[in-house]
Amino acid sequence: MSILSTVLIVLVALEFFYILYLETFATTSDATSRVFNMTKEELKSKALNTLFKNQGIYNGLIGVGLLYSVFLSSNPIEISRLLLIYIILVALYGSITSDKKIILSQGGLAILALISTFF
């Protein structure tokens, strides 16, 4: 795997660790409110808070999977591509059902990383 691909995949992993932080540990913060375009009052809802924390764990594990694929896997390209395609598909779904910007904000870096694995 090229150095560029490795760097981009690590950046995608860091992005997902940041999402983990926002959703799981800083659920009612100003940053979370701004990133998800929700009021702090909405974020304080117990049901929403629980859903965010659960979703945050999933995002963190995607980050772990990406780091595993790059640094520990015997087949880094295959696992990286699988996870990057998953991220892109989820971002595409989010852009269709929620906010069109999600394809770029959540999927943009993953798209670049996926493309880089073919060169």
N, C-alpha and C. Protein backbone atom coordinates (compact mmCIF):
# COMPACT_ATOMS: atom_id res chain seq x y z
N MET A 1 0.86 -1.18 0.00
CA MET A 1 0.00 0.00 0.00
C MET A 1 0.90 1.23 0.00
N SER A 2 0.51 2.24 -0.77
CA SER A 2 1.34 3.45 -0.89
C SER A 2 1.29 4.27 0.41
N ILE A 3 2.27 5.12 0.55
CA ILE A 3 2.32 6.01 1.71
C ILE A 3 1.11 6.95 1.71
N LEU A 4 0.75 7.43 0.51
CA LEU A 4 -0.43 8.31 0.41
C LEU A 4 -1.69 7.61 0.90
N SER A 5 -1.89 6.37 0.48
CA SER A 5 -3.06 5.61 0.93
C SER A 5 -3.04 5.42 2.44
N THR A 6 -1.89 5.08 2.97
CA THR A 6 -1.76 4.89 4.41
C THR A 6 -2.12 6.17 5.16
N VAL A 7 -1.59 7.29 4.72
CA VAL A 7 -1.87 8.58 5.37
C VAL A 7 -3.35 8.90 5.29
N LEU A 8 -3.95 8.75 4.12
CA LEU A 8 -5.38 9.06 3.96
C LEU A 8 -6.25 8.14 4.82
N ILE A 9 -5.94 6.88 4.87
CA ILE A 9 -6.73 5.94 5.67
C ILE A 9 -6.60 6.26 7.16
N VAL A 10 -5.40 6.61 7.60
CA VAL A 10 -5.22 7.01 9.00
C VAL A 10 -6.02 8.28 9.30
N LEU A 11 -6.06 9.21 8.36
CA LEU A 11 -6.86 10.43 8.55
C LEU A 11 -8.36 10.10 8.64
N VAL A 12 -8.82 9.15 7.84
CA VAL A 12 -10.22 8.73 7.93
C VAL A 12 -10.47 8.11 9.31
N ALA A 13 -9.55 7.29 9.79
CA ALA A 13 -9.68 6.69 11.12
C ALA A 13 -9.75 7.78 12.19
N LEU A 14 -8.90 8.79 12.09
CA LEU A 14 -8.92 9.89 13.05
C LEU A 14 -10.24 10.65 12.99
N GLU A 15 -10.79 10.81 11.79
CA GLU A 15 -12.09 11.45 11.64
C GLU A 15 -13.16 10.66 12.40
N PHE A 16 -13.10 9.34 12.30
CA PHE A 16 -14.09 8.51 12.98
C PHE A 16 -13.87 8.47 14.49
N PHE A 17 -12.63 8.61 14.93
CA PHE A 17 -12.38 8.74 16.37
C PHE A 17 -12.94 10.08 16.89
N TYR A 18 -12.87 11.12 16.07
CA TYR A 18 -13.45 12.40 16.44
C TYR A 18 -14.97 12.28 16.55
N ILE A 19 -15.58 11.58 15.61
CA ILE A 19 -17.03 11.35 15.68
C ILE A 19 -17.35 10.55 16.95
N LEU A 20 -16.55 9.54 17.25
CA LEU A 20 -16.71 8.79 18.50
C LEU A 20 -16.70 9.73 19.69
N TYR A 21 -15.72 10.61 19.73
CA TYR A 21 -15.61 11.58 20.83
C TYR A 21 -16.87 12.44 20.93
N LEU A 22 -17.30 13.00 19.80
CA LEU A 22 -18.47 13.87 19.82
C LEU A 22 -19.73 13.13 20.28
N GLU A 23 -19.94 11.94 19.75
CA GLU A 23 -21.18 11.22 20.02
C GLU A 23 -21.19 10.50 21.37
N THR A 24 -20.03 10.09 21.86
CA THR A 24 -20.00 9.28 23.06
C THR A 24 -19.57 10.06 24.30
N PHE A 25 -18.63 10.96 24.15
CA PHE A 25 -18.09 11.64 25.33
C PHE A 25 -18.49 13.11 25.43
N ALA A 26 -18.73 13.76 24.31
CA ALA A 26 -19.07 15.19 24.32
C ALA A 26 -20.46 15.39 23.71
N THR A 27 -21.35 14.52 24.10
CA THR A 27 -22.67 14.45 23.46
C THR A 27 -23.43 15.78 23.49
N THR A 28 -23.31 16.54 24.55
CA THR A 28 -24.08 17.79 24.66
C THR A 28 -23.21 19.03 24.50
N SER A 29 -22.05 18.88 23.88
CA SER A 29 -21.13 20.01 23.74
C SER A 29 -21.53 20.95 22.61
N ASP A 30 -20.92 22.13 22.62
CA ASP A 30 -21.13 23.10 21.54
C ASP A 30 -20.66 22.52 20.20
N ALA A 31 -19.54 21.80 20.23
CA ALA A 31 -19.00 21.21 18.99
C ALA A 31 -19.97 20.19 18.41
N THR A 32 -20.52 19.34 19.26
CA THR A 32 -21.48 18.34 18.80
C THR A 32 -22.72 19.01 18.24
N SER A 33 -23.18 20.05 18.91
CA SER A 33 -24.34 20.81 18.45
C SER A 33 -24.08 21.40 17.07
N ARG A 34 -22.90 21.95 16.88
CA ARG A 34 -22.54 22.57 15.60
C ARG A 34 -22.37 21.52 14.50
N VAL A 35 -21.65 20.43 14.79
CA VAL A 35 -21.37 19.42 13.78
C VAL A 35 -22.65 18.74 13.30
N PHE A 36 -23.56 18.44 14.23
CA PHE A 36 -24.78 17.72 13.87
C PHE A 36 -25.97 18.65 13.65
N ASN A 37 -25.72 19.96 13.72
CA ASN A 37 -26.76 20.96 13.47
C ASN A 37 -28.00 20.70 14.33
N MET A 38 -27.76 20.52 15.62
CA MET A 38 -28.84 20.28 16.58
C MET A 38 -28.65 21.21 17.77
N THR A 39 -29.74 21.56 18.40
CA THR A 39 -29.63 22.41 19.58
C THR A 39 -29.11 21.58 20.76
N LYS A 40 -28.52 22.27 21.71
CA LYS A 40 -28.03 21.58 22.91
C LYS A 40 -29.19 20.96 23.68
N GLU A 41 -30.35 21.57 23.60
CA GLU A 41 -31.54 21.01 24.26
C GLU A 41 -31.92 19.67 23.64
N GLU A 42 -31.88 19.60 22.30
CA GLU A 42 -32.17 18.33 21.63
C GLU A 42 -31.16 17.26 22.04
N LEU A 43 -29.90 17.66 22.14
CA LEU A 43 -28.85 16.71 22.48
C LEU A 43 -28.96 16.19 23.92
N LYS A 44 -29.67 16.91 24.77
CA LYS A 44 -29.83 16.49 26.17
C LYS A 44 -30.93 15.44 26.34
N SER A 45 -31.69 15.18 25.29
CA SER A 45 -32.73 14.16 25.37
C SER A 45 -32.09 12.81 25.70
N LYS A 46 -32.63 12.13 26.70
CA LYS A 46 -32.06 10.86 27.14
C LYS A 46 -32.04 9.83 26.01
N ALA A 47 -33.14 9.74 25.26
CA ALA A 47 -33.21 8.76 24.17
C ALA A 47 -32.17 9.08 23.10
N LEU A 48 -32.07 10.34 22.71
CA LEU A 48 -31.11 10.73 21.69
C LEU A 48 -29.68 10.53 22.20
N ASN A 49 -29.46 10.87 23.45
CA ASN A 49 -28.14 10.71 24.06
C ASN A 49 -27.70 9.25 24.00
N THR A 50 -28.62 8.34 24.33
CA THR A 50 -28.32 6.91 24.29
C THR A 50 -28.02 6.46 22.88
N LEU A 51 -28.81 6.91 21.91
CA LEU A 51 -28.58 6.54 20.52
C LEU A 51 -27.23 7.07 20.03
N PHE A 52 -26.91 8.31 20.37
CA PHE A 52 -25.63 8.90 19.97
C PHE A 52 -24.46 8.10 20.53
N LYS A 53 -24.54 7.74 21.81
CA LYS A 53 -23.44 6.99 22.43
C LYS A 53 -23.24 5.64 21.73
N ASN A 54 -24.33 4.98 21.42
CA ASN A 54 -24.25 3.70 20.72
C ASN A 54 -23.65 3.88 19.33
N GLN A 55 -24.12 4.88 18.62
CA GLN A 55 -23.60 5.16 17.29
C GLN A 55 -22.13 5.55 17.34
N GLY A 56 -21.74 6.27 18.38
CA GLY A 56 -20.36 6.67 18.54
C GLY A 56 -19.42 5.48 18.68
N ILE A 57 -19.87 4.47 19.40
CA ILE A 57 -19.05 3.26 19.55
C ILE A 57 -18.83 2.60 18.19
N TYR A 58 -19.89 2.51 17.39
CA TYR A 58 -19.75 1.95 16.04
C TYR A 58 -18.73 2.74 15.23
N ASN A 59 -18.80 4.07 15.29
CA ASN A 59 -17.86 4.89 14.54
C ASN A 59 -16.43 4.69 15.03
N GLY A 60 -16.25 4.59 16.33
CA GLY A 60 -14.92 4.33 16.88
C GLY A 60 -14.36 2.99 16.42
N LEU A 61 -15.23 1.98 16.35
CA LEU A 61 -14.77 0.67 15.90
C LEU A 61 -14.42 0.66 14.41
N ILE A 62 -15.07 1.49 13.63
CA ILE A 62 -14.68 1.65 12.23
C ILE A 62 -13.25 2.21 12.18
N GLY A 63 -12.97 3.21 13.04
CA GLY A 63 -11.62 3.75 13.12
C GLY A 63 -10.60 2.70 13.51
N VAL A 64 -10.94 1.86 14.49
CA VAL A 64 -10.05 0.78 14.90
C VAL A 64 -9.83 -0.19 13.73
N GLY A 65 -10.90 -0.52 13.02
CA GLY A 65 -10.78 -1.42 11.87
C GLY A 65 -9.86 -0.86 10.80
N LEU A 66 -9.96 0.43 10.55
CA LEU A 66 -9.09 1.06 9.55
C LEU A 66 -7.62 1.00 9.98
N LEU A 67 -7.36 1.28 11.25
CA LEU A 67 -5.97 1.19 11.73
C LEU A 67 -5.46 -0.24 11.67
N TYR A 68 -6.32 -1.19 12.03
CA TYR A 68 -5.95 -2.60 11.93
C TYR A 68 -5.60 -2.95 10.48
N SER A 69 -6.44 -2.48 9.56
CA SER A 69 -6.22 -2.83 8.15
C SER A 69 -4.86 -2.32 7.65
N VAL A 70 -4.48 -1.15 8.11
CA VAL A 70 -3.23 -0.54 7.63
C VAL A 70 -2.00 -1.12 8.31
N PHE A 71 -2.07 -1.33 9.63
CA PHE A 71 -0.86 -1.66 10.38
C PHE A 71 -0.72 -3.13 10.78
N LEU A 72 -1.79 -3.89 10.81
CA LEU A 72 -1.69 -5.26 11.32
C LEU A 72 -2.16 -6.34 10.34
N SER A 73 -2.99 -5.99 9.41
CA SER A 73 -3.59 -6.97 8.52
C SER A 73 -2.58 -7.55 7.53
N SER A 74 -2.77 -8.83 7.22
CA SER A 74 -1.94 -9.44 6.19
C SER A 74 -2.44 -9.09 4.79
N ASN A 75 -3.65 -8.52 4.71
CA ASN A 75 -4.21 -8.07 3.43
C ASN A 75 -4.79 -6.67 3.60
N PRO A 76 -3.92 -5.67 3.76
CA PRO A 76 -4.39 -4.32 4.09
C PRO A 76 -5.28 -3.68 3.02
N ILE A 77 -4.98 -3.91 1.76
CA ILE A 77 -5.77 -3.27 0.70
C ILE A 77 -7.22 -3.76 0.74
N GLU A 78 -7.41 -5.06 0.84
CA GLU A 78 -8.75 -5.63 0.81
C GLU A 78 -9.60 -5.14 1.99
N ILE A 79 -9.05 -5.18 3.17
CA ILE A 79 -9.82 -4.76 4.35
C ILE A 79 -10.05 -3.25 4.33
N SER A 80 -9.03 -2.49 3.94
CA SER A 80 -9.19 -1.03 3.86
C SER A 80 -10.28 -0.67 2.87
N ARG A 81 -10.24 -1.27 1.71
CA ARG A 81 -11.27 -0.98 0.69
C ARG A 81 -12.66 -1.34 1.19
N LEU A 82 -12.79 -2.49 1.83
CA LEU A 82 -14.09 -2.90 2.36
C LEU A 82 -14.64 -1.86 3.33
N LEU A 83 -13.81 -1.41 4.27
CA LEU A 83 -14.26 -0.42 5.25
C LEU A 83 -14.52 0.94 4.62
N LEU A 84 -13.69 1.33 3.68
CA LEU A 84 -13.89 2.62 3.00
C LEU A 84 -15.17 2.61 2.18
N ILE A 85 -15.45 1.51 1.51
CA ILE A 85 -16.70 1.40 0.74
C ILE A 85 -17.89 1.47 1.69
N TYR A 86 -17.79 0.80 2.83
CA TYR A 86 -18.85 0.86 3.84
C TYR A 86 -19.09 2.32 4.26
N ILE A 87 -18.03 3.04 4.56
CA ILE A 87 -18.14 4.44 4.98
C ILE A 87 -18.80 5.28 3.88
N ILE A 88 -18.37 5.08 2.65
CA ILE A 88 -18.92 5.85 1.52
C ILE A 88 -20.41 5.55 1.34
N LEU A 89 -20.79 4.28 1.44
CA LEU A 89 -22.20 3.92 1.29
C LEU A 89 -23.06 4.52 2.40
N VAL A 90 -22.55 4.50 3.62
CA VAL A 90 -23.29 5.11 4.74
C VAL A 90 -23.41 6.62 4.52
N ALA A 91 -22.34 7.25 4.05
CA ALA A 91 -22.38 8.69 3.77
C ALA A 91 -23.36 8.99 2.64
N LEU A 92 -23.40 8.14 1.63
CA LEU A 92 -24.34 8.31 0.53
C LEU A 92 -25.78 8.20 1.04
N TYR A 93 -26.03 7.21 1.87
CA TYR A 93 -27.37 7.06 2.46
C TYR A 93 -27.73 8.30 3.28
N GLY A 94 -26.79 8.77 4.09
CA GLY A 94 -27.03 9.97 4.88
C GLY A 94 -27.29 11.19 4.03
N SER A 95 -26.61 11.28 2.90
CA SER A 95 -26.84 12.44 2.02
C SER A 95 -28.19 12.37 1.34
N ILE A 96 -28.70 11.18 1.13
CA ILE A 96 -30.02 11.02 0.52
C ILE A 96 -31.12 11.26 1.54
N THR A 97 -30.93 10.76 2.76
CA THR A 97 -32.00 10.79 3.76
C THR A 97 -31.94 11.97 4.72
N SER A 98 -30.78 12.60 4.85
CA SER A 98 -30.65 13.63 5.88
C SER A 98 -30.15 14.96 5.33
N ASP A 99 -28.89 15.02 4.95
CA ASP A 99 -28.27 16.27 4.52
C ASP A 99 -27.31 15.97 3.37
N LYS A 100 -27.49 16.62 2.26
CA LYS A 100 -26.68 16.34 1.07
C LYS A 100 -25.18 16.53 1.31
N LYS A 101 -24.81 17.37 2.27
CA LYS A 101 -23.39 17.63 2.54
C LYS A 101 -22.68 16.44 3.16
N ILE A 102 -23.42 15.47 3.68
CA ILE A 102 -22.81 14.33 4.36
C ILE A 102 -21.90 13.53 3.42
N ILE A 103 -22.26 13.45 2.15
CA ILE A 103 -21.43 12.69 1.21
C ILE A 103 -20.01 13.26 1.17
N LEU A 104 -19.87 14.56 1.33
CA LEU A 104 -18.54 15.17 1.33
C LEU A 104 -17.95 15.25 2.73
N SER A 105 -18.76 15.64 3.72
CA SER A 105 -18.21 15.83 5.06
C SER A 105 -17.83 14.51 5.72
N GLN A 106 -18.60 13.46 5.51
CA GLN A 106 -18.28 12.17 6.12
C GLN A 106 -17.61 11.23 5.11
N GLY A 107 -17.96 11.37 3.84
CA GLY A 107 -17.45 10.44 2.85
C GLY A 107 -16.33 10.96 1.98
N GLY A 108 -16.10 12.26 1.96
CA GLY A 108 -15.11 12.84 1.06
C GLY A 108 -13.71 12.29 1.22
N LEU A 109 -13.22 12.28 2.43
CA LEU A 109 -11.87 11.77 2.70
C LEU A 109 -11.80 10.26 2.41
N ALA A 110 -12.87 9.55 2.75
CA ALA A 110 -12.91 8.11 2.46
C ALA A 110 -12.88 7.85 0.95
N ILE A 111 -13.55 8.69 0.18
CA ILE A 111 -13.53 8.56 -1.28
C ILE A 111 -12.11 8.74 -1.81
N LEU A 112 -11.43 9.77 -1.32
CA LEU A 112 -10.04 10.01 -1.74
C LEU A 112 -9.14 8.83 -1.34
N ALA A 113 -9.35 8.35 -0.12
CA ALA A 113 -8.53 7.22 0.35
C ALA A 113 -8.77 5.97 -0.51
N LEU A 114 -10.04 5.70 -0.82
CA LEU A 114 -10.35 4.54 -1.65
C LEU A 114 -9.71 4.68 -3.03
N ILE A 115 -9.84 5.83 -3.64
CA ILE A 115 -9.24 6.04 -4.97
C ILE A 115 -7.74 5.83 -4.91
N SER A 116 -7.11 6.30 -3.84
CA SER A 116 -5.64 6.19 -3.73
C SER A 116 -5.17 4.74 -3.64
N THR A 117 -6.04 3.83 -3.20
CA THR A 117 -5.62 2.42 -3.08
C THR A 117 -5.50 1.74 -4.44
N PHE A 118 -5.97 2.38 -5.50
CA PHE A 118 -5.89 1.79 -6.84
C PHE A 118 -4.64 2.24 -7.60
N PHE A 119 -3.84 3.09 -6.98
CA PHE A 119 -2.63 3.59 -7.65
C PHE A 119 -1.37 3.23 -6.90
